Each structure stands twice: as C-alpha cells, then as structure tokens.
C-alpha cells in the first residue's frame, strides 16, 4: 500500500503579525494535486494542524474544505489526523462523527476505561488498500499531555507513563492484526536526538524531560510517522522512523529546510521505500544580515524591483549589527526597500561592545522567548540562582492551567498545551 505522511501545517499561523493564509491555501491545493496524481491509500497528518488552540475561522475552513475536496477526488482515501501540542484535542475531535462519513479519523486525546485500561480501540484505525481490504493498522497517538499519562491513569511519571501507553497500544495492535497487515504508528512528540528549530519550536514539556527514545517503537512497527519537529529527519538513523517536517517555513530560521511531504510505500508488513515530495514555496523568505548597517543598506538596495502581486512578495527579515543606537534605523531600512520586491516583517538589532573581547548581545522580543525561559530569567534576577526542578514543575502546572482556561474546551480535558 501507499501513503502520504505530512505534519505541522500550523494553519492560521502569522509571521510577526502578518497572516499566511495565501501560503497555506497554495500548499493545500498542491497537496490535493499530489493525491490525485499519486493515488495513495491513506493520508497521515501528524499533529499541529492548527497554530493555536483557538484557530481563526479561515484556518478551520481551510482544513474542512481540504478534507471534503480530498474525499471528492479519492472517495476510498483514508485520512487520519492527530492533535499536536499546538492543537486543542477537543476541537480536533469535535467534528469527528461527520468526518467519519468522509473516511477521516480525528484523534485529539487518549482516554481510559474501567480499571485503568487504555481505550485502545479508538486509537487503532484500519487503513484500506485500493481493493478495499484492510492492509494496515494505524496506531494514532496524539500529543500526550502530562495529566493524561500520570497519576491515576498509569501510576507513573510523565516519561514512564508515555512508555506504558505505547506498550499497551502496541500489544493491542499486534494482537489485532492479521498476517500480511502492516502496523503504522503516528505520533506527535519530541524524539531524543531530534534537531530543533530554536525560533519556532518550543519545549513540549517544561523541564526538558520530554525527549522520547526510539525504542518506544519496536521492530514490529513498519513505519512511524512523526510530527512536532519542523526539520525533516530520521530518528536514530532509522529509515522507518521519520519526521516529515513542516510544509512551509514557520520562521526565518527554517528558510533553508527542505520542506516536503513523504510518500511511503509498503509491501505487506514491510516498509519498501520512502520518497520525499518537495513542497513548492508560494512565498519566498529573505534574511539579510547579520551585518553592519552600511552593508545591510547595500544589500537591500540591490533587491529587485517589485513586479509581483502583494500576496506573492517575499517576506523580509533584517538583522543589523550596531556600535551605538540609531534612532532612525527603521526609516533608513524602509527607505532602502522602497519599491523593492519584499515585505518587511522584522528588524533585529545587535550591539557590540568591548569587554576584553568583543561581545554581541541580541535584543530579544517576547515573541522570541518561551514562557519557561522568561520564568527562568525572572527567577534568577529575583533570587540570584536559577529555579530548581520543583519550581519548574510548579510553573509548568500553572502555565498549563492558564492555557487550558484560555483555549481548551471545558468538557473533561485534563490539561492545556505548553508551546
């Protein structure tokens, strides 16, 4: 059978205040064309479908229009999507009864039945081949929030609780499948050793204890479709455990990533091959600097003259190194790009000073600092030492509670997200 693995769409994301709906629409249109051309049996969307727990209406329309269109082009296509740490599990599952009529399964959270047993039936989903036969089973694991896998549910701490969930689900899948049927896991998690984009990915769990080992997925799992890390990569060097990466750059730090979706082919229970399908970039991203102001101005003046529609103009970030403050910095940069083919979305300044050796200190905005980093800075400034593990865990609980009340539906969700 053949499937397409994608993740981290982040529908509704803005780039320093600028909406990116045009880029998302172009990606989804391209993906529909790939489905029509390649005729896969299944589409896996491994979390962070939306950028926030309360996505704008336009972002929700994009998702559901895509699902309807995909079903219209390929009526037998199985679509499985899971919630990531940016998503609301309740919101992802809300239209599930309607989406099942379109062969689409939406898994937002795990649940437990009597006697602490994992409700594995709703997490094991059949994938059908072109003949309509069950050719594989998908083990759908949405982002596992600490309150879902600790305490009464498993009697374990966070990482041990996650291990218990994986073990129980894999055991149930191995007992369920018939000879010749593949097992395919889909998870939204930070795997140990994964390369992180510092500007647009944040720790899933405060305290840096969230990295999971590849051993959670035994050899009986033919393929593991991962989401969360935006850079495409293998885990532990294994071809079968892959991050597809985000389909478009979510920050300027990701400009040089090879944005893609993955075409996965299986022969019975065995992985046959994985092929990268590069995603065309609807809007380019230009990063100029770090350099002196004079060098930056020269590079800006060399940009081509605008001859594109506004929605196609590249995004521009400018990074300037200064010896002293320049009050009219923005005006000078805007003057240099007047009539140029770009949209300025960000200017960062760095100051160099002498202290034995030249030191450079970046002026960071709140959009560049995670809540955990801000807490650590404030604590250290107040008490002279960084917070201990207990203080970090207490802060994590408080932050989850705040985000839960701000964004998650109230019906029984155990915890909010930490981005």
Protein backbone atom coordinates (compact mmCIF):
# COMPACT_ATOMS: atom_id res chain seq x y z
CA UNK A 1 0.00 0.00 0.00
CA UNK A 2 0.97 3.63 -0.42
CA UNK A 3 0.51 6.54 1.99
CA UNK A 4 1.47 10.19 2.33
CA UNK A 5 2.91 11.43 5.62
CA UNK A 6 2.71 15.12 6.49
CA UNK A 7 2.57 17.20 9.68
CA UNK A 8 2.85 20.63 11.26
CA UNK A 9 0.61 22.58 8.91
CA UNK A 10 0.09 25.29 11.54
CA UNK A 11 -2.97 26.65 9.74
CA UNK A 12 -3.73 30.17 10.92
CA UNK A 13 -0.10 30.97 11.73
CA UNK A 14 1.04 34.56 11.39
CA UNK A 15 4.61 35.65 10.70
CA UNK A 16 5.33 38.52 13.07
CA UNK A 17 1.76 39.68 12.75
CA UNK A 18 1.34 39.01 9.02
CA UNK A 19 -1.23 36.38 8.02
CA UNK A 20 -0.15 33.49 5.80
CA UNK A 21 -3.47 32.19 4.53
CA UNK A 22 -2.36 32.51 0.89
CA UNK A 23 0.63 30.23 1.54
CA UNK A 24 -1.49 27.65 3.32
CA UNK A 25 -4.06 27.71 0.51
CA UNK A 26 -1.31 27.15 -2.07
CA UNK A 27 0.11 24.22 -0.10
CA UNK A 28 -3.26 22.54 0.31
CA UNK A 29 -4.02 22.99 -3.38
CA UNK A 30 -0.66 21.41 -4.25
CA UNK A 31 -1.33 18.52 -1.85
CA UNK A 32 -4.70 17.86 -3.47
CA UNK A 33 -2.96 17.62 -6.83
CA UNK A 34 -0.45 15.13 -5.38
CA UNK A 35 -3.28 12.99 -4.04
CA UNK A 36 -4.98 12.97 -7.43
CA UNK A 37 -1.73 12.10 -9.24
CA UNK A 38 -0.24 9.54 -6.85
CA UNK A 39 -3.47 7.87 -5.71
CA UNK A 40 -2.28 6.95 -2.20
CA UNK A 41 -4.36 4.71 0.04
CA UNK A 42 -4.01 6.91 3.13
CA UNK A 43 -3.04 10.41 4.21
CA UNK A 44 -1.49 10.81 7.68
CA UNK A 45 -1.42 14.28 9.31
CA UNK A 46 0.79 14.01 12.40
CA UNK A 47 -0.40 16.93 14.50
CA UNK A 48 -0.08 20.70 14.87
CA UNK A 49 -2.77 21.04 12.25
CA UNK A 50 -3.57 24.49 13.62
CA UNK A 51 -1.16 27.02 15.07
CA UNK A 52 -3.22 27.76 18.19
CA UNK A 53 -5.90 26.08 20.28
CA UNK A 54 -8.33 28.76 19.08
CA UNK A 55 -7.55 28.96 15.34
CA UNK A 56 -9.20 31.65 13.20
CA UNK A 57 -12.31 30.71 11.27
CA UNK A 58 -10.45 30.89 7.95
CA UNK A 59 -7.95 28.27 9.14
CA UNK A 60 -10.75 25.89 10.14
CA UNK A 61 -12.44 26.43 6.78
CA UNK A 62 -9.18 25.57 5.01
CA UNK A 63 -8.93 22.24 6.83
CA UNK A 64 -12.51 21.11 6.29
CA UNK A 65 -12.63 22.30 2.67
CA UNK A 66 -9.47 20.28 2.06
CA UNK A 67 -10.96 17.13 3.60
CA UNK A 68 -14.14 17.45 1.53
CA UNK A 69 -12.14 18.05 -1.66
CA UNK A 70 -9.78 15.13 -0.95
CA UNK A 71 -12.73 12.80 -0.42
CA UNK A 72 -14.28 14.04 -3.66
CA UNK A 73 -11.10 13.23 -5.60
CA UNK A 74 -10.38 9.91 -3.84
CA UNK A 75 -13.54 8.51 -2.22
CA UNK A 76 -11.66 5.49 -0.81
CA UNK A 77 -8.82 7.55 0.71
CA UNK A 78 -8.35 7.04 4.46
CA UNK A 79 -7.34 10.24 6.27
CA UNK A 80 -6.02 10.08 9.84
CA UNK A 81 -5.10 13.19 11.77
CA UNK A 82 -3.99 13.63 15.37
CA UNK A 83 -3.74 16.65 17.64
CA UNK A 84 -0.33 18.18 18.32
CA UNK A 85 0.76 20.32 21.25
CA UNK A 86 -0.44 23.45 19.43
CA UNK A 87 -3.91 21.96 18.88
CA UNK A 88 -6.92 21.61 21.11
CA UNK A 89 -7.66 17.91 21.33
CA UNK A 90 -11.33 18.67 21.93
CA UNK A 91 -11.57 20.94 18.91
CA UNK A 92 -9.88 18.38 16.65
CA UNK A 93 -12.34 15.68 17.73
CA UNK A 94 -15.48 17.84 17.74
CA UNK A 95 -16.50 17.17 14.08
CA UNK A 96 -15.27 13.53 14.18
CA UNK A 97 -18.74 11.95 13.64
CA UNK A 98 -19.21 13.99 10.47
CA UNK A 99 -15.66 13.42 9.24
CA UNK A 100 -16.00 9.65 9.56
CA UNK A 101 -18.51 9.86 6.70
CA UNK A 102 -15.58 11.17 4.63
CA UNK A 103 -13.26 8.31 5.70
CA UNK A 104 -11.47 10.75 8.00
CA UNK A 105 -10.47 9.92 11.58
CA UNK A 106 -9.65 12.72 14.04
CA UNK A 107 -7.91 11.71 17.29
CA UNK A 108 -7.36 14.53 19.77
CA UNK A 109 -6.61 12.73 23.04
CA UNK A 110 -6.35 9.34 24.67
CA UNK A 111 -8.82 8.04 27.24
CA UNK A 112 -9.02 5.35 29.89
CA UNK A 113 -11.77 2.86 30.64
CA UNK A 114 -12.53 0.97 33.85
CA UNK A 115 -9.65 -0.41 35.92
CA UNK A 116 -7.09 1.90 34.31
CA UNK A 117 -7.22 0.21 30.92
CA UNK A 118 -6.26 2.23 27.87
CA UNK A 119 -9.17 2.70 25.47
CA UNK A 120 -7.07 1.37 22.60
CA UNK A 121 -9.94 0.61 20.24
CA UNK A 122 -10.42 4.26 19.28
CA UNK A 123 -6.64 4.62 18.70
CA UNK A 124 -6.34 1.63 16.31
CA UNK A 125 -7.63 2.56 12.87
CA UNK A 126 -7.81 0.34 9.78
CA UNK A 127 -6.15 1.52 6.57
CA UNK A 128 -7.50 0.05 3.34
CA UNK A 129 -5.79 -0.68 0.03
CA UNK A 130 -7.22 0.01 -3.43
CA UNK A 131 -9.24 -3.21 -3.25
CA UNK A 132 -10.95 -2.09 -0.05
CA UNK A 133 -9.15 -4.65 2.11
CA UNK A 134 -7.52 -3.78 5.43
CA UNK A 135 -3.83 -3.63 4.53
CA UNK A 136 -2.53 -1.91 7.67
CA UNK A 137 -3.45 -0.63 11.11
CA UNK A 138 -2.63 2.90 12.22
CA UNK A 139 -1.68 3.41 15.87
CA UNK A 140 -2.80 7.02 16.34
CA UNK A 141 -1.09 8.73 19.28
CA UNK A 142 -1.91 12.44 19.65
CA UNK A 143 0.29 14.67 21.78
CA UNK A 144 0.21 13.11 25.25
CA UNK A 145 -0.37 15.76 27.89
CA UNK A 146 1.14 15.05 31.33
CA UNK A 147 -2.24 14.77 33.09
CA UNK A 148 -3.32 12.07 30.61
CA UNK A 149 -0.45 9.67 31.36
CA UNK A 150 0.47 10.30 35.01
CA UNK A 151 -1.18 9.75 38.36
CA UNK A 152 -4.25 7.55 38.50
CA UNK A 153 -4.10 6.58 34.83
CA UNK A 154 -0.76 4.80 34.91
CA UNK A 155 0.73 5.37 38.35
CA UNK A 156 3.87 6.64 36.63
CA UNK A 157 5.77 9.86 35.98
CA UNK A 158 5.49 11.54 32.58
CA UNK A 159 8.06 9.57 30.59
CA UNK A 160 7.20 6.26 32.24
CA UNK A 161 3.50 6.93 31.66
CA UNK A 162 4.15 7.54 27.96
CA UNK A 163 6.06 4.27 27.85
CA UNK A 164 3.07 2.47 29.36
CA UNK A 165 0.70 3.96 26.77
CA UNK A 166 2.96 2.89 23.90
CA UNK A 167 3.43 -0.60 25.30
CA UNK A 168 -0.30 -1.18 25.77
CA UNK A 169 -1.22 0.16 22.34
CA UNK A 170 1.48 -1.80 20.50
CA UNK A 171 0.45 -5.00 22.30
CA UNK A 172 -3.18 -4.46 21.33
CA UNK A 173 -2.21 -3.78 17.70
CA UNK A 174 -0.03 -6.89 17.46
CA UNK A 175 -2.91 -9.00 18.79
CA UNK A 176 -5.40 -7.42 16.38
CA UNK A 177 -3.61 -7.54 13.04
CA UNK A 178 -3.75 -10.43 10.64
CA UNK A 179 -0.76 -11.86 8.72
CA UNK A 180 0.29 -9.51 5.94
CA UNK A 181 -1.14 -6.40 7.59
CA UNK A 182 1.39 -3.68 8.44
CA UNK A 183 1.49 -1.66 11.65
CA UNK A 184 1.98 2.09 11.17
CA UNK A 185 2.37 4.38 14.17
CA UNK A 186 1.63 8.10 14.09
CA UNK A 187 2.76 10.31 16.97
CA UNK A 188 3.30 13.96 17.83
CA UNK A 189 6.33 14.01 20.09
CA UNK A 190 9.90 15.15 20.53
CA UNK A 191 12.15 12.17 19.96
CA UNK A 192 15.60 12.04 21.53
CA UNK A 193 18.33 13.43 19.28
CA UNK A 194 15.95 15.34 17.02
CA UNK A 195 17.19 18.62 15.52
CA UNK A 196 15.09 21.56 16.77
CA UNK A 197 14.34 24.93 15.17
CA UNK A 198 15.01 27.32 18.04
CA UNK A 199 12.88 30.17 16.72
CA UNK A 200 9.62 28.33 16.07
CA UNK A 201 9.60 25.15 18.17
CA UNK A 202 9.17 25.22 21.90
CA UNK A 203 9.63 22.52 24.51
CA UNK A 204 6.55 20.34 24.76
CA UNK A 205 7.03 19.83 28.49
CA UNK A 206 8.79 22.31 30.75
CA UNK A 207 11.93 20.92 32.35
CA UNK A 208 13.42 19.49 29.13
CA UNK A 209 12.24 15.98 30.05
CA UNK A 210 10.10 15.35 27.02
CA UNK A 211 12.53 13.70 24.57
CA UNK A 212 11.37 10.14 23.91
CA UNK A 213 13.51 7.14 22.91
CA UNK A 214 13.12 5.38 19.56
CA UNK A 215 12.77 2.11 21.48
CA UNK A 216 9.10 3.03 22.09
CA UNK A 217 8.50 1.75 18.56
CA UNK A 218 9.57 -1.92 18.29
CA UNK A 219 10.59 -3.60 15.05
CA UNK A 220 7.02 -4.82 14.50
CA UNK A 221 6.09 -1.23 13.57
CA UNK A 222 6.84 -0.93 9.85
CA UNK A 223 6.73 2.87 9.78
CA UNK A 224 6.46 5.70 12.32
CA UNK A 225 5.00 8.99 11.04
CA UNK A 226 6.11 11.74 13.41
CA UNK A 227 5.12 15.36 13.88
CA UNK A 228 6.45 18.24 16.02
CA UNK A 229 9.97 18.92 14.71
CA UNK A 230 9.88 21.14 11.63
CA UNK A 231 13.10 19.89 10.06
CA UNK A 232 12.70 16.65 8.04
CA UNK A 233 14.82 13.94 9.64
CA UNK A 234 15.20 10.31 10.56
CA UNK A 235 15.20 9.30 14.22
CA UNK A 236 18.21 7.34 15.48
CA UNK A 237 19.25 6.87 11.85
CA UNK A 238 16.27 4.62 11.16
CA UNK A 239 14.57 4.87 7.79
CA UNK A 240 11.27 3.70 9.28
CA UNK A 241 11.04 6.44 11.96
CA UNK A 242 10.67 9.83 10.28
CA UNK A 243 9.68 13.44 10.78
CA UNK A 244 8.16 14.73 7.55
CA UNK A 245 8.79 18.30 8.74
CA UNK A 246 6.59 21.33 8.17
CA UNK A 247 5.39 22.01 4.61
CA UNK A 248 6.43 25.67 4.77
CA UNK A 249 8.97 27.61 6.85
CA UNK A 250 7.41 28.80 10.10
CA UNK A 251 10.26 31.20 10.94
CA UNK A 252 13.28 32.68 9.20
CA UNK A 253 15.42 30.06 10.93
CA UNK A 254 13.73 27.46 8.70
CA UNK A 255 14.41 29.16 5.35
CA UNK A 256 16.90 26.52 4.27
CA UNK A 257 14.93 23.46 5.40
CA UNK A 258 13.91 21.06 2.59
CA UNK A 259 10.14 21.42 3.08
CA UNK A 260 8.33 18.33 1.93
CA UNK A 261 5.77 15.61 2.47
CA UNK A 262 6.76 11.94 2.39
CA UNK A 263 5.47 9.22 0.09
CA UNK A 264 5.68 5.89 1.90
CA UNK A 265 5.29 2.51 0.20
CA UNK A 266 4.82 -0.80 2.00
CA UNK A 267 4.89 -4.36 0.73
CA UNK A 268 2.73 -6.36 3.10
CA UNK A 269 4.12 -5.93 6.60
CA UNK A 270 7.41 -4.49 5.35
CA UNK A 271 8.49 -0.93 4.56
CA UNK A 272 9.61 -0.80 0.94
CA UNK A 273 10.70 2.82 0.42
CA UNK A 274 10.24 6.43 1.50
CA UNK A 275 10.34 9.23 -1.07
CA UNK A 276 10.49 12.98 -0.47
CA UNK A 277 7.99 15.16 -2.34
CA UNK A 278 9.33 18.76 -2.20
CA UNK A 279 6.66 21.39 -1.50
CA UNK A 280 6.85 24.44 -3.80
CA UNK A 281 7.32 27.65 -1.82
CA UNK A 282 4.48 30.06 -2.62
CA UNK A 283 6.21 33.00 -0.92
CA UNK A 284 9.97 33.31 -0.56
CA UNK A 285 11.66 34.40 2.68
CA UNK A 286 14.67 36.72 2.58
CA UNK A 287 17.05 37.08 5.54
CA UNK A 288 19.63 39.87 5.30
CA UNK A 289 22.43 40.23 7.86
CA UNK A 290 23.86 39.93 10.45
CA UNK A 291 25.93 42.79 9.07
CA UNK A 292 26.75 46.44 9.65
CA UNK A 293 24.13 49.00 8.74
CA UNK A 294 26.04 50.13 5.66
CA UNK A 295 26.34 46.54 4.40
CA UNK A 296 22.67 45.89 5.09
CA UNK A 297 21.61 49.04 3.21
CA UNK A 298 23.74 48.00 0.22
CA UNK A 299 22.13 44.54 0.13
CA UNK A 300 18.65 45.99 0.47
CA UNK A 301 19.17 48.45 -2.36
CA UNK A 302 20.28 45.55 -4.56
CA UNK A 303 16.95 43.73 -4.17
CA UNK A 304 14.86 43.51 -7.36
CA UNK A 305 12.07 45.96 -8.05
CA UNK A 306 8.58 44.79 -7.15
CA UNK A 307 6.73 43.19 -10.07
CA UNK A 308 4.55 40.75 -8.14
CA UNK A 309 1.11 40.85 -6.60
CA UNK A 310 1.28 41.80 -2.92
CA UNK A 311 0.45 38.31 -1.65
CA UNK A 312 3.40 36.86 -3.61
CA UNK A 313 6.02 39.35 -2.35
CA UNK A 314 8.79 37.71 -0.26
CA UNK A 315 8.89 38.17 3.50
CA UNK A 316 11.96 40.11 4.66
CA UNK A 317 13.91 39.96 7.93
CA UNK A 318 16.78 42.40 8.51
CA UNK A 319 19.47 41.82 11.16
CA UNK A 320 21.77 44.75 11.86
CA UNK A 321 24.93 44.97 13.97
CA UNK A 322 25.36 48.39 15.57
CA UNK A 323 28.04 50.13 17.61
CA UNK A 324 25.51 52.58 19.04
CA UNK A 325 21.76 53.20 18.82
CA UNK A 326 20.45 54.56 15.52
CA UNK A 327 17.18 56.43 16.22
CA UNK A 328 16.06 56.42 12.58
CA UNK A 329 17.03 52.79 11.89
CA UNK A 330 13.59 51.72 10.69
CA UNK A 331 13.19 54.77 8.45
CA UNK A 332 16.56 54.14 6.80
CA UNK A 333 15.71 50.48 6.16
CA UNK A 334 12.24 51.30 4.84
CA UNK A 335 13.73 53.94 2.55
CA UNK A 336 16.23 51.40 1.15
CA UNK A 337 13.46 48.93 0.27
CA UNK A 338 11.03 51.45 -1.20
CA UNK A 339 9.64 49.89 -4.40
CA UNK A 340 11.51 46.62 -3.81
CA UNK A 341 10.02 43.14 -4.13
CA UNK A 342 9.68 42.38 -0.43
CA UNK A 343 7.52 42.79 2.66
CA UNK A 344 9.45 43.85 5.77
CA UNK A 345 8.23 41.91 8.78
CA UNK A 346 11.10 42.08 11.24
CA UNK A 347 14.16 44.12 12.20
CA UNK A 348 16.57 42.92 14.88
CA UNK A 349 19.49 44.93 16.28
CA UNK A 350 22.63 43.69 17.99
CA UNK A 351 25.16 45.83 19.81
CA UNK A 352 28.89 45.07 20.01
CA UNK A 353 30.91 46.31 22.98
CA UNK A 354 34.42 45.81 24.33
CA UNK A 355 34.95 43.68 27.43
CA UNK A 356 38.34 42.16 26.84
CA UNK A 357 36.82 40.51 23.75
CA UNK A 358 34.04 41.72 21.51
CA UNK A 359 30.66 40.54 22.79
CA UNK A 360 27.37 40.59 20.92
CA UNK A 361 24.06 40.69 22.75
CA UNK A 362 20.81 40.31 20.84
CA UNK A 363 17.83 42.41 21.83
CA UNK A 364 15.07 39.85 22.08
CA UNK A 365 11.36 40.44 21.91
CA UNK A 366 8.76 38.44 23.83
CA UNK A 367 7.94 36.51 20.64
CA UNK A 368 11.48 35.09 20.73
CA UNK A 369 11.40 33.90 24.37
CA UNK A 370 9.50 30.86 25.59
CA UNK A 371 7.43 31.16 28.79
CA UNK A 372 9.92 28.85 30.52
CA UNK A 373 12.91 30.99 29.52
CA UNK A 374 11.16 34.14 30.71
CA UNK A 375 10.33 32.48 34.04
CA UNK A 376 13.95 31.33 34.49
CA UNK A 377 15.25 34.84 33.77
CA UNK A 378 12.84 36.46 36.19
CA UNK A 379 13.55 33.91 38.92
CA UNK A 380 17.33 34.25 38.51
CA UNK A 381 17.14 38.03 38.61
CA UNK A 382 14.98 37.92 41.75
CA UNK A 383 16.79 35.21 43.73
CA UNK A 384 20.28 35.10 42.22
CA UNK A 385 20.09 31.42 41.20
CA UNK A 386 18.13 29.55 38.52
CA UNK A 387 14.96 27.75 39.66
CA UNK A 388 15.20 24.15 40.79
CA UNK A 389 13.28 21.23 39.27
CA UNK A 390 10.33 21.59 41.65
CA UNK A 391 9.89 25.27 40.79
CA UNK A 392 9.97 24.45 37.06
CA UNK A 393 7.37 21.73 37.51
CA UNK A 394 5.12 24.08 39.53
CA UNK A 395 5.43 26.72 36.82
CA UNK A 396 4.56 24.13 34.17
CA UNK A 397 1.37 23.21 36.03
CA UNK A 398 0.37 26.86 36.40
CA UNK A 399 1.02 27.58 32.73
CA UNK A 400 -0.98 24.57 31.62
CA UNK A 401 -3.88 25.71 33.78
CA UNK A 402 -3.81 29.21 32.32
CA UNK A 403 -3.70 27.97 28.74
CA UNK A 404 -6.43 25.43 29.47
CA UNK A 405 -8.81 28.10 30.75
CA UNK A 406 -7.90 30.40 27.83
CA UNK A 407 -8.29 27.96 24.98
CA UNK A 408 -9.35 24.39 25.64
CA UNK A 409 -13.00 23.35 25.78
CA UNK A 410 -14.03 22.60 29.36
CA UNK A 411 -15.55 19.16 28.82
CA UNK A 412 -13.15 16.92 30.64
CA UNK A 413 -9.82 17.98 29.10
CA UNK A 414 -7.10 17.08 31.51
CA UNK A 415 -4.51 19.70 30.64
CA UNK A 416 -3.78 22.63 28.34
CA UNK A 417 -0.87 22.93 25.97
CA UNK A 418 2.59 24.22 26.65
CA UNK A 419 4.05 25.54 23.42
